[in-house]
Amino acid sequence: MLKFILFGIGFMLLFEGLLYFFFTKKMKAMIKLIDEFDKDKIKSFATIICVLGACLIYFTFKIYRFN
């Protein structure tokens, strides 16, 4: 199970790094846009994303029965 967690973290870091590498100018503009948002809206959105991610992980392990 640890190998799946490490693989997932590594894949996420690779994907995020590639996004920042290829879209540097867009990311800077997006960060400025996010700075203008209300903090409570950002926290609400982050909470929803975390819950969706946890559900995805749970149901993936439940459906595919990783050993």
N, C-alpha and C. Protein backbone atom coordinates (compact mmCIF):
# COMPACT_ATOMS: atom_id res chain seq x y z
N MET A 1 0.83 -1.19 0.00
CA MET A 1 0.00 0.00 0.00
C MET A 1 0.87 1.26 0.00
N LEU A 2 1.99 1.19 0.68
CA LEU A 2 2.87 2.34 0.72
C LEU A 2 3.38 2.70 -0.66
N LYS A 3 3.59 1.68 -1.52
CA LYS A 3 4.08 1.98 -2.86
C LYS A 3 3.05 2.77 -3.66
N PHE A 4 1.75 2.53 -3.42
CA PHE A 4 0.71 3.30 -4.12
C PHE A 4 0.67 4.74 -3.63
N ILE A 5 0.86 4.93 -2.33
CA ILE A 5 0.87 6.29 -1.76
C ILE A 5 2.07 7.06 -2.31
N LEU A 6 3.24 6.43 -2.30
CA LEU A 6 4.43 7.10 -2.81
C LEU A 6 4.31 7.37 -4.31
N PHE A 7 3.75 6.43 -5.05
CA PHE A 7 3.53 6.63 -6.48
C PHE A 7 2.59 7.81 -6.71
N GLY A 8 1.51 7.88 -5.95
CA GLY A 8 0.55 8.97 -6.09
C GLY A 8 1.16 10.32 -5.77
N ILE A 9 1.93 10.39 -4.70
CA ILE A 9 2.58 11.66 -4.34
C ILE A 9 3.60 12.05 -5.40
N GLY A 10 4.37 11.09 -5.87
CA GLY A 10 5.35 11.37 -6.91
C GLY A 10 4.70 11.84 -8.20
N PHE A 11 3.61 11.19 -8.58
CA PHE A 11 2.91 11.58 -9.79
C PHE A 11 2.32 12.98 -9.66
N MET A 12 1.77 13.29 -8.49
CA MET A 12 1.20 14.61 -8.26
C MET A 12 2.29 15.68 -8.34
N LEU A 13 3.44 15.43 -7.72
CA LEU A 13 4.54 16.40 -7.76
C LEU A 13 5.07 16.59 -9.18
N LEU A 14 5.17 15.51 -9.93
CA LEU A 14 5.61 15.60 -11.32
C LEU A 14 4.63 16.43 -12.14
N PHE A 15 3.36 16.15 -12.01
CA PHE A 15 2.34 16.87 -12.76
C PHE A 15 2.32 18.36 -12.39
N GLU A 16 2.38 18.65 -11.11
CA GLU A 16 2.37 20.04 -10.67
C GLU A 16 3.62 20.78 -11.13
N GLY A 17 4.75 20.12 -11.05
CA GLY A 17 5.99 20.74 -11.51
C GLY A 17 5.96 21.04 -13.00
N LEU A 18 5.41 20.12 -13.78
CA LEU A 18 5.31 20.36 -15.22
C LEU A 18 4.37 21.52 -15.53
N LEU A 19 3.29 21.65 -14.78
CA LEU A 19 2.39 22.78 -14.99
C LEU A 19 3.09 24.11 -14.76
N TYR A 20 3.83 24.21 -13.66
CA TYR A 20 4.55 25.45 -13.38
C TYR A 20 5.65 25.69 -14.40
N PHE A 21 6.27 24.63 -14.90
CA PHE A 21 7.34 24.78 -15.88
C PHE A 21 6.82 25.30 -17.21
N PHE A 22 5.73 24.72 -17.69
CA PHE A 22 5.22 25.08 -19.01
C PHE A 22 4.33 26.32 -19.02
N PHE A 23 3.68 26.62 -17.90
CA PHE A 23 2.73 27.73 -17.87
C PHE A 23 3.10 28.76 -16.81
N THR A 24 4.36 29.17 -16.78
CA THR A 24 4.85 30.09 -15.75
C THR A 24 4.11 31.42 -15.78
N LYS A 25 3.95 32.02 -16.95
CA LYS A 25 3.28 33.31 -17.04
C LYS A 25 1.81 33.21 -16.63
N LYS A 26 1.15 32.15 -17.06
CA LYS A 26 -0.27 31.97 -16.70
C LYS A 26 -0.42 31.75 -15.20
N MET A 27 0.52 31.03 -14.60
CA MET A 27 0.45 30.76 -13.16
C MET A 27 0.60 32.05 -12.36
N LYS A 28 1.51 32.92 -12.80
CA LYS A 28 1.68 34.19 -12.09
C LYS A 28 0.40 35.01 -12.15
N ALA A 29 -0.24 35.02 -13.32
CA ALA A 29 -1.50 35.76 -13.46
C ALA A 29 -2.59 35.12 -12.59
N MET A 30 -2.59 33.79 -12.53
CA MET A 30 -3.61 33.09 -11.74
C MET A 30 -3.41 33.36 -10.25
N ILE A 31 -2.16 33.43 -9.81
CA ILE A 31 -1.88 33.71 -8.40
C ILE A 31 -2.37 35.11 -8.04
N LYS A 32 -2.17 36.07 -8.94
CA LYS A 32 -2.69 37.42 -8.70
C LYS A 32 -4.21 37.42 -8.62
N LEU A 33 -4.85 36.62 -9.46
CA LEU A 33 -6.32 36.52 -9.45
C LEU A 33 -6.80 35.89 -8.15
N ILE A 34 -6.13 34.85 -7.71
CA ILE A 34 -6.51 34.17 -6.47
C ILE A 34 -6.35 35.11 -5.27
N ASP A 35 -5.35 35.97 -5.32
CA ASP A 35 -5.11 36.92 -4.23
C ASP A 35 -6.30 37.85 -4.02
N GLU A 36 -7.08 38.08 -5.08
CA GLU A 36 -8.25 38.96 -4.99
C GLU A 36 -9.49 38.26 -4.43
N PHE A 37 -9.50 36.92 -4.39
CA PHE A 37 -10.66 36.18 -3.91
C PHE A 37 -10.80 36.30 -2.40
N ASP A 38 -12.01 36.10 -1.93
CA ASP A 38 -12.30 36.08 -0.50
C ASP A 38 -11.70 34.82 0.12
N LYS A 39 -11.08 34.95 1.29
CA LYS A 39 -10.42 33.81 1.93
C LYS A 39 -11.38 32.69 2.26
N ASP A 40 -12.60 33.03 2.65
CA ASP A 40 -13.59 32.00 2.99
C ASP A 40 -13.98 31.18 1.76
N LYS A 41 -14.06 31.82 0.60
CA LYS A 41 -14.39 31.09 -0.63
C LYS A 41 -13.27 30.12 -0.99
N ILE A 42 -12.03 30.56 -0.80
CA ILE A 42 -10.88 29.68 -1.09
C ILE A 42 -10.89 28.49 -0.15
N LYS A 43 -11.17 28.72 1.14
CA LYS A 43 -11.22 27.61 2.10
C LYS A 43 -12.36 26.65 1.78
N SER A 44 -13.50 27.16 1.37
CA SER A 44 -14.62 26.30 1.01
C SER A 44 -14.27 25.44 -0.20
N PHE A 45 -13.67 26.06 -1.20
CA PHE A 45 -13.28 25.32 -2.40
C PHE A 45 -12.24 24.26 -2.06
N ALA A 46 -11.26 24.60 -1.23
CA ALA A 46 -10.23 23.65 -0.84
C ALA A 46 -10.83 22.48 -0.07
N THR A 47 -11.80 22.75 0.79
CA THR A 47 -12.47 21.69 1.54
C THR A 47 -13.19 20.73 0.61
N ILE A 48 -13.90 21.28 -0.37
CA ILE A 48 -14.62 20.44 -1.33
C ILE A 48 -13.64 19.57 -2.12
N ILE A 49 -12.53 20.14 -2.55
CA ILE A 49 -11.53 19.39 -3.30
C ILE A 49 -10.93 18.28 -2.44
N CYS A 50 -10.65 18.56 -1.17
CA CYS A 50 -10.10 17.54 -0.26
C CYS A 50 -11.08 16.40 -0.06
N VAL A 51 -12.35 16.71 0.13
CA VAL A 51 -13.37 15.67 0.31
C VAL A 51 -13.49 14.83 -0.96
N LEU A 52 -13.50 15.47 -2.13
CA LEU A 52 -13.56 14.71 -3.38
C LEU A 52 -12.34 13.82 -3.55
N GLY A 53 -11.17 14.33 -3.21
CA GLY A 53 -9.96 13.51 -3.30
C GLY A 53 -10.00 12.32 -2.36
N ALA A 54 -10.46 12.54 -1.13
CA ALA A 54 -10.56 11.44 -0.17
C ALA A 54 -11.57 10.40 -0.64
N CYS A 55 -12.69 10.84 -1.19
CA CYS A 55 -13.70 9.91 -1.72
C CYS A 55 -13.14 9.12 -2.89
N LEU A 56 -12.40 9.77 -3.76
CA LEU A 56 -11.79 9.09 -4.90
C LEU A 56 -10.82 8.02 -4.43
N ILE A 57 -10.00 8.34 -3.46
CA ILE A 57 -9.06 7.36 -2.93
C ILE A 57 -9.81 6.20 -2.27
N TYR A 58 -10.81 6.51 -1.45
CA TYR A 58 -11.57 5.47 -0.75
C TYR A 58 -12.24 4.52 -1.72
N PHE A 59 -12.96 5.07 -2.69
CA PHE A 59 -13.69 4.21 -3.62
C PHE A 59 -12.77 3.47 -4.57
N THR A 60 -11.62 4.04 -4.89
CA THR A 60 -10.65 3.32 -5.71
C THR A 60 -10.15 2.09 -4.97
N PHE A 61 -9.79 2.25 -3.70
CA PHE A 61 -9.33 1.11 -2.93
C PHE A 61 -10.45 0.11 -2.68
N LYS A 62 -11.67 0.60 -2.49
CA LYS A 62 -12.80 -0.30 -2.23
C LYS A 62 -13.16 -1.11 -3.48
N ILE A 63 -13.20 -0.47 -4.63
CA ILE A 63 -13.61 -1.14 -5.87
C ILE A 63 -12.53 -2.09 -6.35
N TYR A 64 -11.27 -1.67 -6.36
CA TYR A 64 -10.21 -2.48 -6.92
C TYR A 64 -9.53 -3.39 -5.91
N ARG A 65 -9.87 -3.25 -4.64
CA ARG A 65 -9.38 -4.12 -3.57
C ARG A 65 -7.86 -4.33 -3.65
N PHE A 66 -7.12 -3.21 -3.53
CA PHE A 66 -5.65 -3.31 -3.55
C PHE A 66 -5.17 -4.08 -2.33
N ASN A 67 -4.15 -4.89 -2.53
CA ASN A 67 -3.56 -5.66 -1.43
C ASN A 67 -2.17 -5.20 -1.15
